[in-house]
Amino acid sequence: MSDIQVGELHLDIRPDGQLNNVGDWSIDVARALAEREHLSLTDAHIEIIDVMRSYYNKYNISPIKKLLKKELTERFDESKANDDYLNNLFPHDVMYQGIRLAGLPAPMLDAELEPANHIQKAKNPSSTSHFLSEFEFSGKTYKVYPKGNLVNPSEWTEELGVHMAQKEGLSLNNDHWEVIHYLRDFYFKYGITPMVKLLMKNMRQQLGKHKSSEAYLYDLFPGGPARQGSRIAGLPAPQGCIDP
């Protein structure tokens, strides 16, 4: 670990070039970090960094590239989300250099979070209503993580989803399926399962305020539209700030 001097502050820098403490970041820190990489920050750089940090402050995780580009398009326009534009600003890749200069941790895909060979038993199995470790269905054994999410999302079928929902006391109707398919579409488009805030924001754009409201979604999934919904949809558990 090394450090940099910004005014009277000595800030720790990890071997990968990232700040050791996200809370130490400031625009002056970003400029000091950029100097280490022979880059002079412009307003255009700061626009991108600001979007990254706003996303992190809202969702408690760094955005992956597809979601960063989506945020840039929504805040500005598609030209700011263009790969050539971003690569020109951040020649060492916006998702590595840009994230470092924003003082944020590197983003991760769901698949990187919980390797199948690290499965552990749930600490309080009596307090859970979902499947634990593994279960049988139609003559096949399915492995799940302690939170009840399938180890292999490709094994999921709608019939399996119905079975997993029944274990949790849910009888799926068309409204449930609309959310389940939305979760799966989002996952296979962006590579992550959305936490509840991200789910509500994106569903509002596509399905309207009523079907993206907290009351509506928690009525369908009392265990949390992101946490419980992801289990029944056969997806990894969502990252960051999820259901209470």
C-alpha atoms as a PDB file:
ATOM      1  CA  MET A   1       0.000   0.000   0.000  1.00  0.00           C
ATOM      2  CA  SER A   2       1.271   3.516  -0.858  1.00  0.00           C
ATOM      3  CA  ASP A   3      -0.075   6.973  -0.160  1.00  0.00           C
ATOM      4  CA  ILE A   4      -0.588  10.379  -1.735  1.00  0.00           C
ATOM      5  CA  GLN A   5      -0.408  13.857  -0.277  1.00  0.00           C
ATOM      6  CA  VAL A   6      -3.423  16.138  -0.846  1.00  0.00           C
ATOM      7  CA  GLY A   7      -3.013  19.378   1.075  1.00  0.00           C
ATOM      8  CA  GLU A   8      -2.295  18.307   4.635  1.00  0.00           C
ATOM      9  CA  LEU A   9      -3.854  14.862   4.158  1.00  0.00           C
ATOM     10  CA  HIS A  10      -1.961  11.609   3.683  1.00  0.00           C
ATOM     11  CA  LEU A  11      -4.289   9.150   1.941  1.00  0.00           C
ATOM     12  CA  ASP A  12      -3.758   5.409   1.643  1.00  0.00           C
ATOM     13  CA  ILE A  13      -3.697   3.937  -1.862  1.00  0.00           C
ATOM     14  CA  ARG A  14      -4.094   0.205  -2.390  1.00  0.00           C
ATOM     15  CA  PRO A  15      -1.780  -1.734  -4.751  1.00  0.00           C
ATOM     16  CA  ASP A  16      -4.469  -1.624  -7.460  1.00  0.00           C
ATOM     17  CA  GLY A  17      -4.432   2.197  -7.325  1.00  0.00           C
ATOM     18  CA  GLN A  18      -7.761   2.586  -5.531  1.00  0.00           C
ATOM     19  CA  LEU A  19      -8.382   4.640  -2.423  1.00  0.00           C
ATOM     20  CA  ASN A  20      -8.366   2.544   0.719  1.00  0.00           C
ATOM     21  CA  ASN A  21     -11.238   4.612   2.142  1.00  0.00           C
ATOM     22  CA  VAL A  22     -14.079   5.748  -0.149  1.00  0.00           C
ATOM     23  CA  GLY A  23     -14.900   8.546   2.308  1.00  0.00           C
ATOM     24  CA  ASP A  24     -11.507  10.188   1.741  1.00  0.00           C
ATOM     25  CA  TRP A  25     -12.433  11.159  -1.815  1.00  0.00           C
ATOM     26  CA  SER A  26     -12.725  14.761  -3.015  1.00  0.00           C
ATOM     27  CA  ILE A  27     -12.270  16.418  -6.385  1.00  0.00           C
ATOM     28  CA  ASP A  28      -8.763  17.452  -5.272  1.00  0.00           C
ATOM     29  CA  VAL A  29      -8.046  13.810  -4.452  1.00  0.00           C
ATOM     30  CA  ALA A  30      -9.297  12.842  -7.919  1.00  0.00           C
ATOM     31  CA  ARG A  31      -6.913  15.343  -9.502  1.00  0.00           C
ATOM     32  CA  ALA A  32      -4.024  13.994  -7.434  1.00  0.00           C
ATOM     33  CA  LEU A  33      -4.881  10.437  -8.444  1.00  0.00           C
ATOM     34  CA  ALA A  34      -5.115  11.516 -12.086  1.00  0.00           C
ATOM     35  CA  GLU A  35      -1.676  13.144 -11.927  1.00  0.00           C
ATOM     36  CA  ARG A  36      -0.233   9.807 -10.847  1.00  0.00           C
ATOM     37  CA  GLU A  37      -1.627   8.399 -14.098  1.00  0.00           C
ATOM     38  CA  HIS A  38      -0.417  11.365 -16.223  1.00  0.00           C
ATOM     39  CA  LEU A  39      -3.985  12.519 -16.842  1.00  0.00           C
ATOM     40  CA  SER A  40      -5.306  16.057 -16.498  1.00  0.00           C
ATOM     41  CA  LEU A  41      -8.943  16.109 -15.408  1.00  0.00           C
ATOM     42  CA  THR A  42     -11.382  18.194 -17.439  1.00  0.00           C
ATOM     43  CA  ASP A  43     -15.051  18.980 -16.913  1.00  0.00           C
ATOM     44  CA  ALA A  44     -15.838  16.044 -19.207  1.00  0.00           C
ATOM     45  CA  HIS A  45     -13.949  13.658 -16.918  1.00  0.00           C
ATOM     46  CA  ILE A  46     -15.671  15.081 -13.868  1.00  0.00           C
ATOM     47  CA  GLU A  47     -19.112  14.563 -15.438  1.00  0.00           C
ATOM     48  CA  ILE A  48     -18.428  10.834 -15.723  1.00  0.00           C
ATOM     49  CA  ILE A  49     -16.919  10.619 -12.249  1.00  0.00           C
ATOM     50  CA  ASP A  50     -19.912  12.449 -10.775  1.00  0.00           C
ATOM     51  CA  VAL A  51     -22.323   9.943 -12.335  1.00  0.00           C
ATOM     52  CA  MET A  52     -20.264   7.062 -10.929  1.00  0.00           C
ATOM     53  CA  ARG A  53     -20.245   8.511  -7.438  1.00  0.00           C
ATOM     54  CA  SER A  54     -23.937   9.402  -7.543  1.00  0.00           C
ATOM     55  CA  TYR A  55     -24.713   5.815  -8.484  1.00  0.00           C
ATOM     56  CA  TYR A  56     -22.520   4.495  -5.662  1.00  0.00           C
ATOM     57  CA  ASN A  57     -24.100   6.840  -3.105  1.00  0.00           C
ATOM     58  CA  LYS A  58     -27.579   5.731  -4.150  1.00  0.00           C
ATOM     59  CA  TYR A  59     -27.073   1.976  -4.484  1.00  0.00           C
ATOM     60  CA  ASN A  60     -23.967   1.323  -2.346  1.00  0.00           C
ATOM     61  CA  ILE A  61     -22.146  -0.440  -5.198  1.00  0.00           C
ATOM     62  CA  SER A  62     -20.100   0.775  -8.153  1.00  0.00           C
ATOM     63  CA  PRO A  63     -21.890   0.571 -11.515  1.00  0.00           C
ATOM     64  CA  ILE A  64     -20.877  -2.044 -14.066  1.00  0.00           C
ATOM     65  CA  LYS A  65     -20.249  -0.606 -17.522  1.00  0.00           C
ATOM     66  CA  LYS A  66     -23.673  -1.313 -19.033  1.00  0.00           C
ATOM     67  CA  LEU A  67     -25.418   0.393 -16.129  1.00  0.00           C
ATOM     68  CA  LEU A  68     -22.964   3.301 -16.158  1.00  0.00           C
ATOM     69  CA  LYS A  69     -23.739   3.862 -19.843  1.00  0.00           C
ATOM     70  CA  LYS A  70     -27.453   3.693 -19.089  1.00  0.00           C
ATOM     71  CA  GLU A  71     -27.068   6.341 -16.362  1.00  0.00           C
ATOM     72  CA  LEU A  72     -24.993   8.575 -18.659  1.00  0.00           C
ATOM     73  CA  THR A  73     -27.601   8.338 -21.418  1.00  0.00           C
ATOM     74  CA  GLU A  74     -30.386   9.231 -18.992  1.00  0.00           C
ATOM     75  CA  ARG A  75     -28.532  12.164 -17.445  1.00  0.00           C
ATOM     76  CA  PHE A  76     -26.989  13.531 -20.651  1.00  0.00           C
ATOM     77  CA  ASP A  77     -27.433  11.749 -23.987  1.00  0.00           C
ATOM     78  CA  GLU A  78     -26.097   8.756 -25.876  1.00  0.00           C
ATOM     79  CA  SER A  79     -22.975  10.613 -27.020  1.00  0.00           C
ATOM     80  CA  LYS A  80     -21.659  10.629 -23.426  1.00  0.00           C
ATOM     81  CA  ALA A  81     -22.157   6.854 -23.230  1.00  0.00           C
ATOM     82  CA  ASN A  82     -20.309   6.132 -26.483  1.00  0.00           C
ATOM     83  CA  ASP A  83     -17.345   3.761 -26.088  1.00  0.00           C
ATOM     84  CA  ASP A  84     -15.039   5.918 -28.205  1.00  0.00           C
ATOM     85  CA  TYR A  85     -15.895   8.990 -26.116  1.00  0.00           C
ATOM     86  CA  LEU A  86     -15.276   7.162 -22.829  1.00  0.00           C
ATOM     87  CA  ASN A  87     -12.056   5.539 -24.049  1.00  0.00           C
ATOM     88  CA  ASN A  88     -10.736   8.899 -25.195  1.00  0.00           C
ATOM     89  CA  LEU A  89     -11.356  10.351 -21.721  1.00  0.00           C
ATOM     90  CA  PHE A  90     -10.043   7.316 -19.849  1.00  0.00           C
ATOM     91  CA  PRO A  91      -7.405   5.613 -22.036  1.00  0.00           C
ATOM     92  CA  HIS A  92      -6.889   2.863 -19.448  1.00  0.00           C
ATOM     93  CA  ASP A  93     -10.618   1.983 -19.533  1.00  0.00           C
ATOM     94  CA  VAL A  94     -13.391   3.873 -17.801  1.00  0.00           C
ATOM     95  CA  MET A  95     -14.216   0.856 -15.602  1.00  0.00           C
ATOM     96  CA  TYR A  96     -10.677   0.696 -14.216  1.00  0.00           C
ATOM     97  CA  GLN A  97      -9.169   4.138 -14.511  1.00  0.00           C
ATOM     98  CA  GLY A  98     -12.455   6.025 -14.128  1.00  0.00           C
ATOM     99  CA  ILE A  99     -13.523   4.012 -11.083  1.00  0.00           C
ATOM    100  CA  ARG A 100     -10.108   4.556  -9.483  1.00  0.00           C
ATOM    101  CA  LEU A 101     -10.274   8.315 -10.024  1.00  0.00           C
ATOM    102  CA  ALA A 102     -13.811   8.329  -8.598  1.00  0.00           C
ATOM    103  CA  GLY A 103     -12.396   6.758  -5.437  1.00  0.00           C
ATOM    104  CA  LEU A 104     -14.736   3.768  -5.664  1.00  0.00           C
ATOM    105  CA  PRO A 105     -14.285  -0.003  -5.296  1.00  0.00           C
ATOM    106  CA  ALA A 106     -14.129  -2.036  -8.482  1.00  0.00           C
ATOM    107  CA  PRO A 107     -17.562  -3.217  -9.667  1.00  0.00           C
ATOM    108  CA  MET A 108     -18.334  -6.944  -9.622  1.00  0.00           C
ATOM    109  CA  LEU A 109     -20.770  -9.141 -11.478  1.00  0.00           C
ATOM    110  CA  ASP A 110     -23.017 -11.398  -9.418  1.00  0.00           C
ATOM    111  CA  ALA A 111     -21.166 -14.474 -10.649  1.00  0.00           C
ATOM    112  CA  GLU A 112     -17.970 -13.201  -9.026  1.00  0.00           C
ATOM    113  CA  LEU A 113     -19.439 -12.815  -5.560  1.00  0.00           C
ATOM    114  CA  GLU A 114     -20.235 -16.291  -4.295  1.00  0.00           C
ATOM    115  CA  PRO A 115     -18.299 -19.138  -5.962  1.00  0.00           C
ATOM    116  CA  ALA A 116     -20.073 -22.490  -5.933  1.00  0.00           C
ATOM    117  CA  ASN A 117     -17.175 -24.151  -4.099  1.00  0.00           C
ATOM    118  CA  HIS A 118     -17.621 -21.741  -1.181  1.00  0.00           C
ATOM    119  CA  ILE A 119     -21.144 -22.824  -0.244  1.00  0.00           C
ATOM    120  CA  GLN A 120     -21.721 -22.793   3.495  1.00  0.00           C
ATOM    121  CA  LYS A 121     -24.653 -23.935   5.554  1.00  0.00           C
ATOM    122  CA  ALA A 122     -27.068 -21.315   6.820  1.00  0.00           C
ATOM    123  CA  LYS A 123     -26.378 -20.328  10.432  1.00  0.00           C
ATOM    124  CA  ASN A 124     -30.016 -20.454  11.557  1.00  0.00           C
ATOM    125  CA  PRO A 125     -31.838 -22.964   9.331  1.00  0.00           C
ATOM    126  CA  SER A 126     -34.906 -22.997  11.597  1.00  0.00           C
ATOM    127  CA  SER A 127     -35.475 -19.291  10.890  1.00  0.00           C
ATOM    128  CA  THR A 128     -35.591 -19.675   7.099  1.00  0.00           C
ATOM    129  CA  SER A 129     -38.506 -20.619   4.869  1.00  0.00           C
ATOM    130  CA  HIS A 130     -36.537 -21.145   1.637  1.00  0.00           C
ATOM    131  CA  PHE A 131     -34.551 -24.185   0.535  1.00  0.00           C
ATOM    132  CA  LEU A 132     -31.122 -24.661   2.094  1.00  0.00           C
ATOM    133  CA  SER A 133     -27.997 -26.308   0.654  1.00  0.00           C
ATOM    134  CA  GLU A 134     -29.904 -28.493  -1.833  1.00  0.00           C
ATOM    135  CA  PHE A 135     -33.342 -29.883  -2.598  1.00  0.00           C
ATOM    136  CA  GLU A 136     -35.002 -32.455  -4.845  1.00  0.00           C
ATOM    137  CA  PHE A 137     -37.491 -31.659  -7.587  1.00  0.00           C
ATOM    138  CA  SER A 138     -38.762 -33.946 -10.344  1.00  0.00           C
ATOM    139  CA  GLY A 139     -35.992 -36.459  -9.752  1.00  0.00           C
ATOM    140  CA  LYS A 140     -33.143 -33.918  -9.858  1.00  0.00           C
ATOM    141  CA  THR A 141     -31.034 -32.365  -7.096  1.00  0.00           C
ATOM    142  CA  TYR A 142     -30.633 -28.571  -7.111  1.00  0.00           C
ATOM    143  CA  LYS A 143     -27.926 -26.847  -5.100  1.00  0.00           C
ATOM    144  CA  VAL A 144     -28.587 -23.448  -3.508  1.00  0.00           C
ATOM    145  CA  TYR A 145     -26.566 -20.905  -1.570  1.00  0.00           C
ATOM    146  CA  PRO A 146     -27.380 -20.173   2.096  1.00  0.00           C
ATOM    147  CA  LYS A 147     -29.685 -17.334   0.986  1.00  0.00           C
ATOM    148  CA  GLY A 148     -31.660 -19.851  -1.094  1.00  0.00           C
ATOM    149  CA  ASN A 149     -30.500 -18.734  -4.556  1.00  0.00           C
ATOM    150  CA  LEU A 150     -29.701 -21.361  -7.164  1.00  0.00           C
ATOM    151  CA  VAL A 151     -26.004 -22.090  -7.634  1.00  0.00           C
ATOM    152  CA  ASN A 152     -26.626 -22.605 -11.357  1.00  0.00           C
ATOM    153  CA  PRO A 153     -29.184 -20.107 -12.766  1.00  0.00           C
ATOM    154  CA  SER A 154     -29.276 -22.000 -16.072  1.00  0.00           C
ATOM    155  CA  GLU A 155     -31.099 -24.862 -14.312  1.00  0.00           C
ATOM    156  CA  TRP A 156     -34.122 -22.667 -13.622  1.00  0.00           C
ATOM    157  CA  THR A 157     -37.504 -23.332 -15.210  1.00  0.00           C
ATOM    158  CA  GLU A 158     -40.896 -21.832 -14.502  1.00  0.00           C
ATOM    159  CA  GLU A 159     -41.959 -25.146 -12.945  1.00  0.00           C
ATOM    160  CA  LEU A 160     -38.970 -24.962 -10.616  1.00  0.00           C
ATOM    161  CA  GLY A 161     -39.874 -21.354  -9.775  1.00  0.00           C
ATOM    162  CA  VAL A 162     -43.374 -22.472  -8.785  1.00  0.00           C
ATOM    163  CA  HIS A 163     -41.890 -25.175  -6.551  1.00  0.00           C
ATOM    164  CA  MET A 164     -39.482 -22.737  -4.862  1.00  0.00           C
ATOM    165  CA  ALA A 165     -42.293 -20.222  -4.357  1.00  0.00           C
ATOM    166  CA  GLN A 166     -44.506 -22.860  -2.732  1.00  0.00           C
ATOM    167  CA  LYS A 167     -41.696 -23.593  -0.270  1.00  0.00           C
ATOM    168  CA  GLU A 168     -41.904 -19.929   0.757  1.00  0.00           C
ATOM    169  CA  GLY A 169     -45.697 -19.934   0.993  1.00  0.00           C
ATOM    170  CA  LEU A 170     -46.323 -18.060  -2.250  1.00  0.00           C
ATOM    171  CA  SER A 171     -48.837 -18.991  -4.938  1.00  0.00           C
ATOM    172  CA  LEU A 172     -47.658 -17.282  -8.124  1.00  0.00           C
ATOM    173  CA  ASN A 173     -50.088 -15.295 -10.266  1.00  0.00           C
ATOM    174  CA  ASN A 174     -49.619 -13.137 -13.354  1.00  0.00           C
ATOM    175  CA  ASP A 175     -48.410 -10.176 -11.284  1.00  0.00           C
ATOM    176  CA  HIS A 176     -45.690 -12.290  -9.675  1.00  0.00           C
ATOM    177  CA  TRP A 177     -44.617 -13.590 -13.070  1.00  0.00           C
ATOM    178  CA  GLU A 178     -44.365 -10.084 -14.481  1.00  0.00           C
ATOM    179  CA  VAL A 179     -41.848  -9.178 -11.774  1.00  0.00           C
ATOM    180  CA  ILE A 180     -39.999 -12.507 -12.071  1.00  0.00           C
ATOM    181  CA  HIS A 181     -39.563 -12.132 -15.825  1.00  0.00           C
ATOM    182  CA  TYR A 182     -38.509  -8.506 -15.378  1.00  0.00           C
ATOM    183  CA  LEU A 183     -35.824  -9.612 -12.906  1.00  0.00           C
ATOM    184  CA  ARG A 184     -34.585 -12.279 -15.315  1.00  0.00           C
ATOM    185  CA  ASP A 185     -34.574  -9.914 -18.301  1.00  0.00           C
ATOM    186  CA  PHE A 186     -32.594  -7.365 -16.278  1.00  0.00           C
ATOM    187  CA  TYR A 187     -30.086  -9.979 -15.130  1.00  0.00           C
ATOM    188  CA  PHE A 188     -29.395 -11.380 -18.576  1.00  0.00           C
ATOM    189  CA  LYS A 189     -29.138  -7.889 -20.059  1.00  0.00           C
ATOM    190  CA  TYR A 190     -26.883  -6.279 -17.445  1.00  0.00           C
ATOM    191  CA  GLY A 191     -25.231  -9.233 -15.702  1.00  0.00           C
ATOM    192  CA  ILE A 192     -26.412  -8.422 -12.170  1.00  0.00           C
ATOM    193  CA  THR A 193     -29.565  -8.933 -10.153  1.00  0.00           C
ATOM    194  CA  PRO A 194     -30.974  -5.491  -9.248  1.00  0.00           C
ATOM    195  CA  MET A 195     -31.325  -4.500  -5.609  1.00  0.00           C
ATOM    196  CA  VAL A 196     -34.737  -3.121  -4.705  1.00  0.00           C
ATOM    197  CA  LYS A 197     -33.992   0.576  -5.389  1.00  0.00           C
ATOM    198  CA  LEU A 198     -32.589  -0.212  -8.827  1.00  0.00           C
ATOM    199  CA  LEU A 199     -35.463  -2.597  -9.535  1.00  0.00           C
ATOM    200  CA  MET A 200     -38.095   0.012  -8.638  1.00  0.00           C
ATOM    201  CA  LYS A 201     -36.397   2.737 -10.676  1.00  0.00           C
ATOM    202  CA  ASN A 202     -36.173   0.649 -13.838  1.00  0.00           C
ATOM    203  CA  MET A 203     -39.600  -0.952 -13.496  1.00  0.00           C
ATOM    204  CA  ARG A 204     -41.120   2.523 -13.154  1.00  0.00           C
ATOM    205  CA  GLN A 205     -39.774   3.437 -16.587  1.00  0.00           C
ATOM    206  CA  GLN A 206     -41.234   0.339 -18.211  1.00  0.00           C
ATOM    207  CA  LEU A 207     -44.308  -0.622 -16.179  1.00  0.00           C
ATOM    208  CA  GLY A 208     -45.404   2.621 -14.545  1.00  0.00           C
ATOM    209  CA  LYS A 209     -45.634   3.930 -10.978  1.00  0.00           C
ATOM    210  CA  HIS A 210     -48.199   1.487  -9.605  1.00  0.00           C
ATOM    211  CA  LYS A 211     -46.371  -1.700 -10.567  1.00  0.00           C
ATOM    212  CA  SER A 212     -43.051  -0.319  -9.368  1.00  0.00           C
ATOM    213  CA  SER A 213     -44.272   1.014  -6.026  1.00  0.00           C
ATOM    214  CA  GLU A 214     -42.859  -0.331  -2.774  1.00  0.00           C
ATOM    215  CA  ALA A 215     -46.322  -1.293  -1.489  1.00  0.00           C
ATOM    216  CA  TYR A 216     -47.201  -3.223  -4.659  1.00  0.00           C
ATOM    217  CA  LEU A 217     -43.901  -5.129  -4.855  1.00  0.00           C
ATOM    218  CA  TYR A 218     -43.778  -6.042  -1.161  1.00  0.00           C
ATOM    219  CA  ASP A 219     -47.372  -7.211  -1.311  1.00  0.00           C
ATOM    220  CA  LEU A 220     -46.321  -9.672  -4.022  1.00  0.00           C
ATOM    221  CA  PHE A 221     -43.028 -10.640  -2.351  1.00  0.00           C
ATOM    222  CA  PRO A 222     -43.251 -10.119   1.437  1.00  0.00           C
ATOM    223  CA  GLY A 223     -39.688 -11.410   1.774  1.00  0.00           C
ATOM    224  CA  GLY A 224     -38.496  -8.593  -0.486  1.00  0.00           C
ATOM    225  CA  PRO A 225     -38.951  -8.122  -4.261  1.00  0.00           C
ATOM    226  CA  ALA A 226     -35.176  -8.271  -4.768  1.00  0.00           C
ATOM    227  CA  ARG A 227     -34.197 -10.840  -2.136  1.00  0.00           C
ATOM    228  CA  GLN A 228     -37.173 -13.220  -2.373  1.00  0.00           C
ATOM    229  CA  GLY A 229     -37.907 -12.380  -5.996  1.00  0.00           C
ATOM    230  CA  SER A 230     -34.369 -13.272  -7.076  1.00  0.00           C
ATOM    231  CA  ARG A 231     -34.589 -16.650  -5.358  1.00  0.00           C
ATOM    232  CA  ILE A 232     -37.821 -17.600  -7.084  1.00  0.00           C
ATOM    233  CA  ALA A 233     -36.515 -16.232 -10.403  1.00  0.00           C
ATOM    234  CA  GLY A 234     -33.495 -18.548 -10.140  1.00  0.00           C
ATOM    235  CA  LEU A 235     -30.992 -15.679 -10.001  1.00  0.00           C
ATOM    236  CA  PRO A 236     -28.017 -14.806  -7.769  1.00  0.00           C
ATOM    237  CA  ALA A 237     -28.755 -12.662  -4.706  1.00  0.00           C
ATOM    238  CA  PRO A 238     -28.648  -8.926  -5.451  1.00  0.00           C
ATOM    239  CA  GLN A 239     -25.617  -6.872  -4.499  1.00  0.00           C
ATOM    240  CA  GLY A 240     -25.330  -3.798  -2.357  1.00  0.00           C
ATOM    241  CA  CYS A 241     -28.270  -2.146  -0.641  1.00  0.00           C
ATOM    242  CA  ILE A 242     -31.137  -4.639  -0.975  1.00  0.00           C
ATOM    243  CA  ASP A 243     -34.418  -5.335   0.823  1.00  0.00           C
ATOM    244  CA  PRO A 244     -34.695  -4.587   4.530  1.00  0.00           C
END
